[in-house]
Amino acid sequence: MIFKQLFESDSSTYTYLIACEQSRQAILIDPVIDTVERDLQVLRDLGLTLMATLETHVHADHLPAVSR
């Protein structure tokens, strides 16, 4: 299993990346719209394919990145 915790400092928000080492399929949990490019670069750097995103809750102080 691949696990990474990613931090977005402006909103003090954490995004989590979980992936399978064998299939190279990944999921992003609570991605933030301001860090979409960073998150996609992390996926590319690790040779992963994004299969899904998951929003665990809604925050009024930031926009989720699921719509991107």
N, C-alpha and C. Protein backbone atom coordinates (compact mmCIF):
# COMPACT_ATOMS: atom_id res chain seq x y z
N MET A 1 0.84 -1.17 0.00
CA MET A 1 0.00 0.00 0.00
C MET A 1 0.89 1.24 0.00
N ILE A 2 0.48 2.22 -0.78
CA ILE A 2 1.14 3.52 -0.80
C ILE A 2 0.23 4.49 -0.06
N PHE A 3 0.80 5.26 0.85
CA PHE A 3 0.04 6.24 1.61
C PHE A 3 0.85 7.52 1.70
N LYS A 4 0.22 8.65 1.36
CA LYS A 4 0.87 9.95 1.50
C LYS A 4 -0.13 10.94 2.07
N GLN A 5 0.35 11.74 3.00
CA GLN A 5 -0.43 12.84 3.55
C GLN A 5 0.09 14.13 2.92
N LEU A 6 -0.79 14.89 2.28
CA LEU A 6 -0.42 16.13 1.61
C LEU A 6 -1.10 17.29 2.32
N PHE A 7 -0.37 18.39 2.52
CA PHE A 7 -0.89 19.52 3.29
C PHE A 7 -1.02 20.76 2.42
N GLU A 8 -2.16 21.46 2.56
CA GLU A 8 -2.39 22.73 1.88
C GLU A 8 -2.43 23.80 2.97
N SER A 9 -1.40 24.64 2.99
CA SER A 9 -1.21 25.55 4.12
C SER A 9 -2.22 26.70 4.21
N ASP A 10 -2.70 27.21 3.08
CA ASP A 10 -3.63 28.35 3.14
C ASP A 10 -4.91 28.01 3.90
N SER A 11 -5.43 26.82 3.70
CA SER A 11 -6.67 26.43 4.39
C SER A 11 -6.40 25.42 5.51
N SER A 12 -5.13 25.11 5.74
CA SER A 12 -4.74 24.11 6.76
C SER A 12 -5.50 22.81 6.56
N THR A 13 -5.50 22.36 5.30
CA THR A 13 -6.26 21.18 4.91
C THR A 13 -5.33 20.03 4.51
N TYR A 14 -5.69 18.84 4.93
CA TYR A 14 -4.94 17.66 4.54
C TYR A 14 -5.67 16.90 3.44
N THR A 15 -4.92 16.42 2.48
CA THR A 15 -5.40 15.51 1.45
C THR A 15 -4.62 14.22 1.63
N TYR A 16 -5.28 13.11 1.43
CA TYR A 16 -4.62 11.82 1.59
C TYR A 16 -4.64 11.06 0.26
N LEU A 17 -3.51 10.47 -0.05
CA LEU A 17 -3.36 9.64 -1.23
C LEU A 17 -3.16 8.21 -0.77
N ILE A 18 -4.01 7.32 -1.26
CA ILE A 18 -3.88 5.89 -0.97
C ILE A 18 -3.86 5.17 -2.31
N ALA A 19 -2.91 4.24 -2.46
CA ALA A 19 -2.79 3.54 -3.73
C ALA A 19 -2.31 2.11 -3.51
N CYS A 20 -2.58 1.29 -4.51
CA CYS A 20 -2.12 -0.09 -4.52
C CYS A 20 -0.78 -0.17 -5.24
N GLU A 21 0.20 -0.77 -4.61
CA GLU A 21 1.53 -0.88 -5.22
C GLU A 21 1.51 -1.76 -6.47
N GLN A 22 0.64 -2.77 -6.51
CA GLN A 22 0.61 -3.68 -7.65
C GLN A 22 -0.18 -3.12 -8.83
N SER A 23 -1.39 -2.65 -8.57
CA SER A 23 -2.24 -2.17 -9.67
C SER A 23 -1.92 -0.73 -10.07
N ARG A 24 -1.26 0.01 -9.18
CA ARG A 24 -0.91 1.43 -9.38
C ARG A 24 -2.17 2.31 -9.45
N GLN A 25 -3.29 1.83 -8.93
CA GLN A 25 -4.52 2.61 -8.88
C GLN A 25 -4.56 3.38 -7.57
N ALA A 26 -5.05 4.63 -7.66
CA ALA A 26 -5.02 5.50 -6.49
C ALA A 26 -6.36 6.18 -6.24
N ILE A 27 -6.52 6.63 -5.01
CA ILE A 27 -7.66 7.44 -4.61
C ILE A 27 -7.12 8.62 -3.83
N LEU A 28 -7.72 9.80 -4.06
CA LEU A 28 -7.40 10.99 -3.28
C LEU A 28 -8.58 11.26 -2.35
N ILE A 29 -8.28 11.47 -1.09
CA ILE A 29 -9.30 11.76 -0.09
C ILE A 29 -9.20 13.23 0.29
N ASP A 30 -10.31 13.93 0.17
CA ASP A 30 -10.42 15.36 0.49
C ASP A 30 -9.45 16.25 -0.28
N PRO A 31 -9.38 16.12 -1.62
CA PRO A 31 -8.51 17.01 -2.39
C PRO A 31 -9.02 18.45 -2.34
N VAL A 32 -8.10 19.40 -2.47
CA VAL A 32 -8.42 20.83 -2.42
C VAL A 32 -8.18 21.43 -3.80
N ILE A 33 -9.08 22.29 -4.24
CA ILE A 33 -9.00 22.84 -5.59
C ILE A 33 -7.69 23.59 -5.85
N ASP A 34 -7.15 24.26 -4.84
CA ASP A 34 -5.91 25.03 -5.03
C ASP A 34 -4.68 24.15 -5.25
N THR A 35 -4.78 22.88 -4.97
CA THR A 35 -3.61 22.00 -5.09
C THR A 35 -3.80 20.88 -6.12
N VAL A 36 -4.73 21.07 -7.03
CA VAL A 36 -4.99 20.04 -8.05
C VAL A 36 -3.73 19.71 -8.83
N GLU A 37 -3.01 20.72 -9.30
CA GLU A 37 -1.80 20.46 -10.09
C GLU A 37 -0.74 19.75 -9.27
N ARG A 38 -0.57 20.14 -8.02
CA ARG A 38 0.39 19.45 -7.15
C ARG A 38 0.02 17.98 -7.00
N ASP A 39 -1.27 17.73 -6.73
CA ASP A 39 -1.72 16.36 -6.52
C ASP A 39 -1.55 15.51 -7.77
N LEU A 40 -1.88 16.08 -8.94
CA LEU A 40 -1.69 15.36 -10.19
C LEU A 40 -0.21 15.08 -10.46
N GLN A 41 0.65 16.00 -10.08
CA GLN A 41 2.09 15.78 -10.25
C GLN A 41 2.59 14.66 -9.35
N VAL A 42 2.08 14.60 -8.13
CA VAL A 42 2.45 13.52 -7.22
C VAL A 42 2.04 12.18 -7.82
N LEU A 43 0.84 12.12 -8.38
CA LEU A 43 0.38 10.89 -9.02
C LEU A 43 1.29 10.50 -10.18
N ARG A 44 1.64 11.48 -11.01
CA ARG A 44 2.55 11.21 -12.15
C ARG A 44 3.92 10.74 -11.66
N ASP A 45 4.45 11.43 -10.65
CA ASP A 45 5.78 11.08 -10.13
C ASP A 45 5.82 9.66 -9.60
N LEU A 46 4.71 9.20 -9.04
CA LEU A 46 4.66 7.85 -8.47
C LEU A 46 4.16 6.81 -9.48
N GLY A 47 3.82 7.26 -10.69
CA GLY A 47 3.33 6.33 -11.71
C GLY A 47 1.97 5.74 -11.38
N LEU A 48 1.09 6.57 -10.80
CA LEU A 48 -0.22 6.11 -10.36
C LEU A 48 -1.32 6.62 -11.28
N THR A 49 -2.43 5.88 -11.32
CA THR A 49 -3.62 6.29 -12.04
C THR A 49 -4.71 6.61 -11.03
N LEU A 50 -5.25 7.81 -11.11
CA LEU A 50 -6.32 8.21 -10.19
C LEU A 50 -7.62 7.53 -10.61
N MET A 51 -8.19 6.76 -9.70
CA MET A 51 -9.42 6.03 -9.99
C MET A 51 -10.64 6.71 -9.38
N ALA A 52 -10.42 7.46 -8.28
CA ALA A 52 -11.56 8.09 -7.60
C ALA A 52 -11.06 9.15 -6.63
N THR A 53 -11.99 10.03 -6.28
CA THR A 53 -11.75 10.96 -5.19
C THR A 53 -12.88 10.77 -4.18
N LEU A 54 -12.62 11.12 -2.95
CA LEU A 54 -13.60 10.95 -1.89
C LEU A 54 -13.61 12.19 -1.01
N GLU A 55 -14.77 12.79 -0.85
CA GLU A 55 -14.94 13.92 0.06
C GLU A 55 -15.57 13.37 1.33
N THR A 56 -14.88 13.55 2.45
CA THR A 56 -15.40 13.03 3.71
C THR A 56 -16.28 14.04 4.43
N HIS A 57 -16.16 15.33 4.05
CA HIS A 57 -16.94 16.38 4.70
C HIS A 57 -16.85 17.64 3.84
N VAL A 58 -17.66 18.63 4.16
CA VAL A 58 -17.68 19.88 3.42
C VAL A 58 -17.15 20.99 4.32
N HIS A 59 -16.32 21.84 3.75
CA HIS A 59 -15.80 23.00 4.46
C HIS A 59 -16.24 24.25 3.72
N ALA A 60 -16.70 25.24 4.44
CA ALA A 60 -17.09 26.51 3.82
C ALA A 60 -15.87 27.34 3.44
N ASP A 61 -14.72 27.07 4.04
CA ASP A 61 -13.53 27.90 3.81
C ASP A 61 -12.66 27.45 2.63
N HIS A 62 -13.01 26.38 1.96
CA HIS A 62 -12.29 25.97 0.76
C HIS A 62 -13.19 25.15 -0.14
N LEU A 63 -12.83 25.11 -1.39
CA LEU A 63 -13.60 24.36 -2.38
C LEU A 63 -12.95 23.00 -2.61
N PRO A 64 -13.72 21.94 -2.65
CA PRO A 64 -13.15 20.64 -2.95
C PRO A 64 -12.71 20.57 -4.42
N ALA A 65 -11.80 19.69 -4.70
CA ALA A 65 -11.25 19.57 -6.05
C ALA A 65 -11.93 18.50 -6.87
N VAL A 66 -12.96 17.88 -6.35
CA VAL A 66 -13.61 16.77 -7.05
C VAL A 66 -14.14 17.20 -8.40
N SER A 67 -14.59 18.42 -8.53
CA SER A 67 -15.19 18.87 -9.78
C SER A 67 -14.17 19.07 -10.90
N ARG A 68 -12.88 19.06 -10.60
CA ARG A 68 -11.86 19.29 -11.61
C ARG A 68 -11.57 18.06 -12.33
